[in-house]
Amino acid sequence: HILDRFYPGIEKTIANIEKVGFDHVGASRSAEE
């Protein structure tokens, strides 16, 4: 379900997760990430 809002949804999800202070793994916003 990580693509339920397509790639912009991944970008938004990771930004919100990092804002709260979670570690995360499995999805990325760039090849470098």
Full PDB file with SEQRES, HELIX, SHEET, SSBOND, CRYST1, ORIGX, SCALE, CONECT and MASTER records, all heavy atoms in Angstrom:
SEQRES   1 A   33  HIS ILE LEU ASP ARG PHE TYR PRO GLY ILE GLU LYS THR          
SEQRES   2 A   33  ILE ALA ASN ILE GLU LYS VAL GLY PHE ASP HIS VAL GLY          
SEQRES   3 A   33  ALA SER ARG SER ALA GLU GLU                                  
HELIX    1 AA1 PHE A    6  VAL A   20  1                                  15    
CRYST1    1.000    1.000    1.000  90.00  90.00  90.00 P 1           1          
ORIGX1      1.000000  0.000000  0.000000        0.00000                         
ORIGX2      0.000000  1.000000  0.000000        0.00000                         
ORIGX3      0.000000  0.000000  1.000000        0.00000                         
SCALE1      1.000000  0.000000  0.000000        0.00000                         
SCALE2      0.000000  1.000000  0.000000        0.00000                         
SCALE3      0.000000  0.000000  1.000000        0.00000                         
ATOM      1  N   HIS A   1       0.807  -1.223   0.000  1.00  0.00           N  
ATOM      2  CA  HIS A   1       0.000   0.000   0.000  1.00  0.00           C  
ATOM      3  C   HIS A   1       0.843   1.279   0.000  1.00  0.00           C  
ATOM      4  O   HIS A   1       0.289   2.380   0.092  1.00  0.00           O  
ATOM      5  CB  HIS A   1      -0.957   0.007   1.194  1.00  0.00           C  
ATOM      6  CG  HIS A   1      -2.122  -0.912   1.040  1.00  0.00           C  
ATOM      7  ND1 HIS A   1      -3.180  -0.650   0.186  1.00  0.00           N  
ATOM      8  CD2 HIS A   1      -2.390  -2.125   1.597  1.00  0.00           C  
ATOM      9  CE1 HIS A   1      -4.052  -1.638   0.245  1.00  0.00           C  
ATOM     10  NE2 HIS A   1      -3.599  -2.553   1.099  1.00  0.00           N  
ATOM     11  N   ILE A   2       2.163   1.160  -0.131  1.00  0.00           N  
ATOM     12  CA  ILE A   2       3.004   2.355  -0.065  1.00  0.00           C  
ATOM     13  C   ILE A   2       2.811   3.251  -1.292  1.00  0.00           C  
ATOM     14  O   ILE A   2       3.108   4.444  -1.240  1.00  0.00           O  
ATOM     15  CB  ILE A   2       4.492   1.971   0.098  1.00  0.00           C  
ATOM     16  CG1 ILE A   2       5.337   3.192   0.441  1.00  0.00           C  
ATOM     17  CG2 ILE A   2       5.007   1.278  -1.140  1.00  0.00           C  
ATOM     18  CD1 ILE A   2       4.933   3.910   1.702  1.00  0.00           C  
ATOM     19  N   LEU A   3       2.283   2.713  -2.403  1.00  0.00           N  
ATOM     20  CA  LEU A   3       2.039   3.533  -3.598  1.00  0.00           C  
ATOM     21  C   LEU A   3       0.572   3.931  -3.738  1.00  0.00           C  
ATOM     22  O   LEU A   3       0.132   4.312  -4.826  1.00  0.00           O  
ATOM     23  CB  LEU A   3       2.500   2.783  -4.848  1.00  0.00           C  
ATOM     24  CG  LEU A   3       4.008   2.749  -5.095  1.00  0.00           C  
ATOM     25  CD1 LEU A   3       4.340   1.866  -6.296  1.00  0.00           C  
ATOM     26  CD2 LEU A   3       4.563   4.150  -5.308  1.00  0.00           C  
ATOM     27  N   ASP A   4      -0.180   3.853  -2.637  1.00  0.00           N  
ATOM     28  CA  ASP A   4      -1.600   4.194  -2.712  1.00  0.00           C  
ATOM     29  C   ASP A   4      -1.838   5.656  -3.086  1.00  0.00           C  
ATOM     30  O   ASP A   4      -2.947   6.009  -3.516  1.00  0.00           O  
ATOM     31  CB  ASP A   4      -2.287   3.873  -1.378  1.00  0.00           C  
ATOM     32  CG  ASP A   4      -2.581   2.386  -1.232  1.00  0.00           C  
ATOM     33  OD1 ASP A   4      -2.230   1.619  -2.154  1.00  0.00           O  
ATOM     34  OD2 ASP A   4      -3.155   1.983  -0.203  1.00  0.00           O  
ATOM     35  N   ARG A   5      -0.842   6.510  -2.912  1.00  0.00           N  
ATOM     36  CA  ARG A   5      -0.905   7.897  -3.402  1.00  0.00           C  
ATOM     37  C   ARG A   5       0.251   8.145  -4.375  1.00  0.00           C  
ATOM     38  O   ARG A   5       0.708   9.260  -4.533  1.00  0.00           O  
ATOM     39  CB  ARG A   5      -0.851   8.889  -2.232  1.00  0.00           C  
ATOM     40  CG  ARG A   5      -2.121   8.948  -1.391  1.00  0.00           C  
ATOM     41  CD  ARG A   5      -3.284   9.559  -2.169  1.00  0.00           C  
ATOM     42  NE  ARG A   5      -4.454   9.763  -1.325  1.00  0.00           N  
ATOM     43  CZ  ARG A   5      -5.428   8.869  -1.152  1.00  0.00           C  
ATOM     44  NH1 ARG A   5      -5.354   7.693  -1.766  1.00  0.00           N  
ATOM     45  NH2 ARG A   5      -6.472   9.140  -0.385  1.00  0.00           N  
ATOM     46  N   PHE A   6       0.704   7.059  -4.983  1.00  0.00           N  
ATOM     47  CA  PHE A   6       1.759   7.118  -6.003  1.00  0.00           C  
ATOM     48  C   PHE A   6       3.058   7.713  -5.426  1.00  0.00           C  
ATOM     49  O   PHE A   6       3.227   7.759  -4.210  1.00  0.00           O  
ATOM     50  CB  PHE A   6       1.274   7.878  -7.230  1.00  0.00           C  
ATOM     51  CG  PHE A   6      -0.113   7.467  -7.662  1.00  0.00           C  
ATOM     52  CD1 PHE A   6      -1.192   8.335  -7.534  1.00  0.00           C  
ATOM     53  CD2 PHE A   6      -0.349   6.189  -8.160  1.00  0.00           C  
ATOM     54  CE1 PHE A   6      -2.470   7.950  -7.911  1.00  0.00           C  
ATOM     55  CE2 PHE A   6      -1.623   5.788  -8.531  1.00  0.00           C  
ATOM     56  CZ  PHE A   6      -2.692   6.666  -8.405  1.00  0.00           C  
ATOM     57  N   TYR A   7       3.959   8.121  -6.295  1.00  0.00           N  
ATOM     58  CA  TYR A   7       5.247   8.615  -5.805  1.00  0.00           C  
ATOM     59  C   TYR A   7       5.104   9.870  -4.936  1.00  0.00           C  
ATOM     60  O   TYR A   7       5.776   9.974  -3.894  1.00  0.00           O  
ATOM     61  CB  TYR A   7       6.191   8.878  -6.978  1.00  0.00           C  
ATOM     62  CG  TYR A   7       7.499   9.506  -6.553  1.00  0.00           C  
ATOM     63  CD1 TYR A   7       8.406   8.805  -5.755  1.00  0.00           C  
ATOM     64  CD2 TYR A   7       7.815  10.815  -6.910  1.00  0.00           C  
ATOM     65  CE1 TYR A   7       9.598   9.376  -5.347  1.00  0.00           C  
ATOM     66  CE2 TYR A   7       9.003  11.395  -6.508  1.00  0.00           C  
ATOM     67  CZ  TYR A   7       9.888  10.667  -5.731  1.00  0.00           C  
ATOM     68  OH  TYR A   7      11.063  11.244  -5.316  1.00  0.00           O  
ATOM     69  N   PRO A   8       4.257  10.858  -5.286  1.00  0.00           N  
ATOM     70  CA  PRO A   8       4.089  12.015  -4.384  1.00  0.00           C  
ATOM     71  C   PRO A   8       3.656  11.597  -2.978  1.00  0.00           C  
ATOM     72  O   PRO A   8       4.002  12.259  -1.997  1.00  0.00           O  
ATOM     73  CB  PRO A   8       3.018  12.853  -5.085  1.00  0.00           C  
ATOM     74  CG  PRO A   8       3.161  12.516  -6.529  1.00  0.00           C  
ATOM     75  CD  PRO A   8       3.492  11.051  -6.551  1.00  0.00           C  
ATOM     76  N   GLY A   9       2.916  10.495  -2.880  1.00  0.00           N  
ATOM     77  CA  GLY A   9       2.510  10.013  -1.568  1.00  0.00           C  
ATOM     78  C   GLY A   9       3.689   9.494  -0.762  1.00  0.00           C  
ATOM     79  O   GLY A   9       3.738   9.668   0.470  1.00  0.00           O  
ATOM     80  N   ILE A  10       4.652   8.864  -1.430  1.00  0.00           N  
ATOM     81  CA  ILE A  10       5.866   8.428  -0.749  1.00  0.00           C  
ATOM     82  C   ILE A  10       6.657   9.625  -0.241  1.00  0.00           C  
ATOM     83  O   ILE A  10       7.135   9.643   0.904  1.00  0.00           O  
ATOM     84  CB  ILE A  10       6.731   7.557  -1.679  1.00  0.00           C  
ATOM     85  CG1 ILE A  10       6.075   6.187  -1.869  1.00  0.00           C  
ATOM     86  CG2 ILE A  10       8.147   7.393  -1.129  1.00  0.00           C  
ATOM     87  CD1 ILE A  10       6.835   5.243  -2.771  1.00  0.00           C  
ATOM     88  N   GLU A  11       6.796  10.625  -1.083  1.00  0.00           N  
ATOM     89  CA  GLU A  11       7.518  11.836  -0.672  1.00  0.00           C  
ATOM     90  C   GLU A  11       6.872  12.455   0.559  1.00  0.00           C  
ATOM     91  O   GLU A  11       7.561  12.820   1.523  1.00  0.00           O  
ATOM     92  CB  GLU A  11       7.533  12.848  -1.812  1.00  0.00           C  
ATOM     93  CG  GLU A  11       8.410  12.474  -2.990  1.00  0.00           C  
ATOM     94  CD  GLU A  11       8.455  13.569  -4.018  1.00  0.00           C  
ATOM     95  OE1 GLU A  11       7.372  13.919  -4.540  1.00  0.00           O  
ATOM     96  OE2 GLU A  11       9.554  14.080  -4.314  1.00  0.00           O  
ATOM     97  N   LYS A  12       5.560  12.582   0.528  1.00  0.00           N  
ATOM     98  CA  LYS A  12       4.840  13.204   1.640  1.00  0.00           C  
ATOM     99  C   LYS A  12       4.943  12.344   2.894  1.00  0.00           C  
ATOM    100  O   LYS A  12       5.134  12.851   4.008  1.00  0.00           O  
ATOM    101  CB  LYS A  12       3.373  13.414   1.242  1.00  0.00           C  
ATOM    102  CG  LYS A  12       2.530  14.154   2.281  1.00  0.00           C  
ATOM    103  CD  LYS A  12       2.992  15.585   2.488  1.00  0.00           C  
ATOM    104  CE  LYS A  12       2.745  16.463   1.292  1.00  0.00           C  
ATOM    105  NZ  LYS A  12       1.327  16.732   1.007  1.00  0.00           N  
ATOM    106  N   THR A  13       4.816  11.029   2.734  1.00  0.00           N  
ATOM    107  CA  THR A  13       4.884  10.115   3.875  1.00  0.00           C  
ATOM    108  C   THR A  13       6.231  10.191   4.580  1.00  0.00           C  
ATOM    109  O   THR A  13       6.310  10.321   5.811  1.00  0.00           O  
ATOM    110  CB  THR A  13       4.619   8.667   3.414  1.00  0.00           C  
ATOM    111  OG1 THR A  13       3.308   8.586   2.848  1.00  0.00           O  
ATOM    112  CG2 THR A  13       4.732   7.695   4.583  1.00  0.00           C  
ATOM    113  N   ILE A  14       7.321  10.118   3.814  1.00  0.00           N  
ATOM    114  CA  ILE A  14       8.652  10.145   4.418  1.00  0.00           C  
ATOM    115  C   ILE A  14       8.913  11.493   5.094  1.00  0.00           C  
ATOM    116  O   ILE A  14       9.481  11.543   6.195  1.00  0.00           O  
ATOM    117  CB  ILE A  14       9.728   9.838   3.359  1.00  0.00           C  
ATOM    118  CG1 ILE A  14       9.588   8.391   2.879  1.00  0.00           C  
ATOM    119  CG2 ILE A  14      11.126  10.060   3.937  1.00  0.00           C  
ATOM    120  CD1 ILE A  14      10.539   7.999   1.770  1.00  0.00           C  
ATOM    121  N   ALA A  15       8.481  12.564   4.466  1.00  0.00           N  
ATOM    122  CA  ALA A  15       8.672  13.889   5.075  1.00  0.00           C  
ATOM    123  C   ALA A  15       7.942  13.978   6.414  1.00  0.00           C  
ATOM    124  O   ALA A  15       8.485  14.498   7.403  1.00  0.00           O  
ATOM    125  CB  ALA A  15       8.174  14.976   4.117  1.00  0.00           C  
ATOM    126  N   ASN A  16       6.729  13.468   6.479  1.00  0.00           N  
ATOM    127  CA  ASN A  16       5.972  13.498   7.729  1.00  0.00           C  
ATOM    128  C   ASN A  16       6.586  12.590   8.791  1.00  0.00           C  
ATOM    129  O   ASN A  16       6.630  12.939   9.977  1.00  0.00           O  
ATOM    130  CB  ASN A  16       4.519  13.088   7.466  1.00  0.00           C  
ATOM    131  CG  ASN A  16       3.701  14.186   6.811  1.00  0.00           C  
ATOM    132  OD1 ASN A  16       3.833  15.361   7.155  1.00  0.00           O  
ATOM    133  ND2 ASN A  16       2.874  13.823   5.845  1.00  0.00           N  
ATOM    134  N   ILE A  17       7.068  11.433   8.369  1.00  0.00           N  
ATOM    135  CA  ILE A  17       7.697  10.503   9.302  1.00  0.00           C  
ATOM    136  C   ILE A  17       8.954  11.115   9.912  1.00  0.00           C  
ATOM    137  O   ILE A  17       9.194  11.024  11.126  1.00  0.00           O  
ATOM    138  CB  ILE A  17       8.026   9.179   8.573  1.00  0.00           C  
ATOM    139  CG1 ILE A  17       6.756   8.365   8.382  1.00  0.00           C  
ATOM    140  CG2 ILE A  17       9.062   8.365   9.355  1.00  0.00           C  
ATOM    141  CD1 ILE A  17       6.950   7.129   7.537  1.00  0.00           C  
ATOM    142  N   GLU A  18       9.773  11.722   9.089  1.00  0.00           N  
ATOM    143  CA  GLU A  18      11.002  12.328   9.592  1.00  0.00           C  
ATOM    144  C   GLU A  18      10.713  13.536  10.470  1.00  0.00           C  
ATOM    145  O   GLU A  18      11.462  13.800  11.424  1.00  0.00           O  
ATOM    146  CB  GLU A  18      11.888  12.730   8.408  1.00  0.00           C  
ATOM    147  CG  GLU A  18      12.460  11.532   7.659  1.00  0.00           C  
ATOM    148  CD  GLU A  18      13.357  11.895   6.501  1.00  0.00           C  
ATOM    149  OE1 GLU A  18      13.283  13.060   6.041  1.00  0.00           O  
ATOM    150  OE2 GLU A  18      14.134  11.036   6.049  1.00  0.00           O  
ATOM    151  N   LYS A  19       9.651  14.228  10.196  1.00  0.00           N  
ATOM    152  CA  LYS A  19       9.282  15.385  11.022  1.00  0.00           C  
ATOM    153  C   LYS A  19       8.983  14.964  12.456  1.00  0.00           C  
ATOM    154  O   LYS A  19       9.327  15.660  13.419  1.00  0.00           O  
ATOM    155  CB  LYS A  19       8.069  16.088  10.408  1.00  0.00           C  
ATOM    156  CG  LYS A  19       7.661  17.363  11.126  1.00  0.00           C  
ATOM    157  CD  LYS A  19       6.495  18.032  10.416  1.00  0.00           C  
ATOM    158  CE  LYS A  19       6.070  19.316  11.120  1.00  0.00           C  
ATOM    159  NZ  LYS A  19       4.922  19.958  10.432  1.00  0.00           N  
ATOM    160  N   VAL A  20       8.369  13.805  12.611  1.00  0.00           N  
ATOM    161  CA  VAL A  20       8.030  13.307  13.946  1.00  0.00           C  
ATOM    162  C   VAL A  20       9.243  12.661  14.621  1.00  0.00           C  
ATOM    163  O   VAL A  20       9.311  12.576  15.838  1.00  0.00           O  
ATOM    164  CB  VAL A  20       6.845  12.320  13.860  1.00  0.00           C  
ATOM    165  CG1 VAL A  20       6.512  11.722  15.218  1.00  0.00           C  
ATOM    166  CG2 VAL A  20       5.615  13.032  13.298  1.00  0.00           C  
ATOM    167  N   GLY A  21      10.199  12.195  13.813  1.00  0.00           N  
ATOM    168  CA  GLY A  21      11.418  11.649  14.392  1.00  0.00           C  
ATOM    169  C   GLY A  21      11.549  10.141  14.325  1.00  0.00           C  
ATOM    170  O   GLY A  21      12.327   9.548  15.075  1.00  0.00           O  
ATOM    171  N   PHE A  22      10.823   9.496  13.416  1.00  0.00           N  
ATOM    172  CA  PHE A  22      10.930   8.048  13.253  1.00  0.00           C  
ATOM    173  C   PHE A  22      12.115   7.680  12.370  1.00  0.00           C  
ATOM    174  O   PHE A  22      12.444   8.391  11.415  1.00  0.00           O  
ATOM    175  CB  PHE A  22       9.672   7.484  12.579  1.00  0.00           C  
ATOM    176  CG  PHE A  22       8.471   7.398  13.467  1.00  0.00           C  
ATOM    177  CD1 PHE A  22       7.421   8.302  13.321  1.00  0.00           C  
ATOM    178  CD2 PHE A  22       8.363   6.419  14.436  1.00  0.00           C  
ATOM    179  CE1 PHE A  22       6.298   8.233  14.122  1.00  0.00           C  
ATOM    180  CE2 PHE A  22       7.249   6.339  15.246  1.00  0.00           C  
ATOM    181  CZ  PHE A  22       6.208   7.241  15.096  1.00  0.00           C  
ATOM    182  N   ASP A  23      12.737   6.540  12.666  1.00  0.00           N  
ATOM    183  CA  ASP A  23      13.577   5.873  11.683  1.00  0.00           C  
ATOM    184  C   ASP A  23      12.640   5.192  10.690  1.00  0.00           C  
ATOM    185  O   ASP A  23      11.505   4.848  11.017  1.00  0.00           O  
ATOM    186  CB  ASP A  23      14.475   4.831  12.349  1.00  0.00           C  
ATOM    187  CG  ASP A  23      15.465   5.467  13.322  1.00  0.00           C  
ATOM    188  OD1 ASP A  23      15.944   6.576  13.040  1.00  0.00           O  
ATOM    189  OD2 ASP A  23      15.742   4.848  14.371  1.00  0.00           O  
ATOM    190  N   HIS A  24      13.120   4.961   9.469  1.00  0.00           N  
ATOM    191  CA  HIS A  24      12.274   4.294   8.470  1.00  0.00           C  
ATOM    192  C   HIS A  24      13.146   3.567   7.470  1.00  0.00           C  
ATOM    193  O   HIS A  24      14.319   3.889   7.272  1.00  0.00           O  
ATOM    194  CB  HIS A  24      11.374   5.301   7.758  1.00  0.00           C  
ATOM    195  CG  HIS A  24      12.126   6.373   7.012  1.00  0.00           C  
ATOM    196  ND1 HIS A  24      12.548   6.224   5.705  1.00  0.00           N  
ATOM    197  CD2 HIS A  24      12.560   7.604   7.398  1.00  0.00           C  
ATOM    198  CE1 HIS A  24      13.187   7.319   5.313  1.00  0.00           C  
ATOM    199  NE2 HIS A  24      13.219   8.166   6.331  1.00  0.00           N  
ATOM    200  N   VAL A  25      12.559   2.558   6.811  1.00  0.00           N  
ATOM    201  CA  VAL A  25      13.292   1.766   5.829  1.00  0.00           C  
ATOM    202  C   VAL A  25      12.299   1.154   4.850  1.00  0.00           C  
ATOM    203  O   VAL A  25      11.159   0.871   5.209  1.00  0.00           O  
ATOM    204  CB  VAL A  25      14.115   0.651   6.530  1.00  0.00           C  
ATOM    205  CG1 VAL A  25      13.213  -0.359   7.216  1.00  0.00           C  
ATOM    206  CG2 VAL A  25      15.063  -0.032   5.566  1.00  0.00           C  
ATOM    207  N   GLY A  26      12.731   1.004   3.575  1.00  0.00           N  
ATOM    208  CA  GLY A  26      11.908   0.312   2.597  1.00  0.00           C  
ATOM    209  C   GLY A  26      11.390   1.160   1.464  1.00  0.00           C  
ATOM    210  O   GLY A  26      11.021   0.635   0.408  1.00  0.00           O  
ATOM    211  N   ALA A  27      11.326   2.477   1.641  1.00  0.00           N  
ATOM    212  CA  ALA A  27      10.895   3.393   0.586  1.00  0.00           C  
ATOM    213  C   ALA A  27      11.830   4.599   0.575  1.00  0.00           C  
ATOM    214  O   ALA A  27      12.396   4.955   1.616  1.00  0.00           O  
ATOM    215  CB  ALA A  27       9.453   3.840   0.800  1.00  0.00           C  
ATOM    216  N   SER A  28      11.975   5.228  -0.597  1.00  0.00           N  
ATOM    217  CA  SER A  28      12.973   6.292  -0.735  1.00  0.00           C  
ATOM    218  C   SER A  28      12.486   7.373  -1.692  1.00  0.00           C  
ATOM    219  O   SER A  28      11.617   7.139  -2.533  1.00  0.00           O  
ATOM    220  CB  SER A  28      14.300   5.727  -1.274  1.00  0.00           C  
ATOM    221  OG  SER A  28      14.731   4.627  -0.508  1.00  0.00           O  
ATOM    222  N   ARG A  29      13.096   8.552  -1.554  1.00  0.00           N  
ATOM    223  CA  ARG A  29      12.768   9.678  -2.427  1.00  0.00           C  
ATOM    224  C   ARG A  29      13.803   9.907  -3.517  1.00  0.00           C  
ATOM    225  O   ARG A  29      13.629  10.774  -4.365  1.00  0.00           O  
ATOM    226  CB  ARG A  29      12.628  10.949  -1.580  1.00  0.00           C  
ATOM    227  CG  ARG A  29      11.435  10.932  -0.644  1.00  0.00           C  
ATOM    228  CD  ARG A  29      11.533  11.990   0.424  1.00  0.00           C  
ATOM    229  NE  ARG A  29      12.622  11.692   1.364  1.00  0.00           N  
ATOM    230  CZ  ARG A  29      12.831  12.356   2.501  1.00  0.00           C  
ATOM    231  NH1 ARG A  29      12.030  13.369   2.818  1.00  0.00           N  
ATOM    232  NH2 ARG A  29      13.814  12.030   3.300  1.00  0.00           N  
ATOM    233  N   SER A  30      14.878   9.138  -3.487  1.00  0.00           N  
ATOM    234  CA  SER A  30      15.931   9.283  -4.488  1.00  0.00           C  
ATOM    235  C   SER A  30      16.764   8.018  -4.522  1.00  0.00           C  
ATOM    236  O   SER A  30      16.720   7.195  -3.584  1.00  0.00           O  
ATOM    237  CB  SER A  30      16.827  10.483  -4.160  1.00  0.00           C  
ATOM    238  OG  SER A  30      17.572  10.229  -2.978  1.00  0.00           O  
ATOM    239  N   ALA A  31      17.559   7.870  -5.597  1.00  0.00           N  
ATOM    240  CA  ALA A  31      18.444   6.714  -5.692  1.00  0.00           C  
ATOM    241  C   ALA A  31      19.508   6.762  -4.600  1.00  0.00           C  
ATOM    242  O   ALA A  31      19.901   5.724  -4.050  1.00  0.00           O  
ATOM    243  CB  ALA A  31      19.098   6.676  -7.070  1.00  0.00           C  
ATOM    244  N   GLU A  32      19.973   7.970  -4.267  1.00  0.00           N  
ATOM    245  CA  GLU A  32      20.984   8.126  -3.214  1.00  0.00           C  
ATOM    246  C   GLU A  32      20.417   7.709  -1.867  1.00  0.00           C  
ATOM    247  O   GLU A  32      21.093   7.057  -1.068  1.00  0.00           O  
ATOM    248  CB  GLU A  32      21.474   9.568  -3.163  1.00  0.00           C  
ATOM    249  CG  GLU A  32      22.268  10.026  -4.381  1.00  0.00           C  
ATOM    250  CD  GLU A  32      21.401  10.298  -5.595  1.00  0.00           C  
ATOM    251  OE1 GLU A  32      20.178  10.477  -5.429  1.00  0.00           O  
ATOM    252  OE2 GLU A  32      21.952  10.325  -6.720  1.00  0.00           O  
ATOM    253  N   GLU A  33      19.182   8.075  -1.609  1.00  0.00           N  
ATOM    254  CA  GLU A  33      18.547   7.712  -0.345  1.00  0.00           C  
ATOM    255  C   GLU A  33      18.348   6.200  -0.263  1.00  0.00           C  
ATOM    256  O   GLU A  33      18.544   5.588   0.801  1.00  0.00           O  
ATOM    257  CB  GLU A  33      17.198   8.427  -0.231  1.00  0.00           C  
ATOM    258  CG  GLU A  33      16.563   8.367   1.142  1.00  0.00           C  
ATOM    259  CD  GLU A  33      15.369   9.295   1.255  1.00  0.00           C  
ATOM    260  OE1 GLU A  33      14.252   8.855   0.920  1.00  0.00           O  
ATOM    261  OE2 GLU A  33      15.554  10.459   1.652  1.00  0.00           O  
TER     262      GLU A  33                                                      
MASTER        0    0    0    1    0    0    0    6  261    1    0    3          
END                                                                             
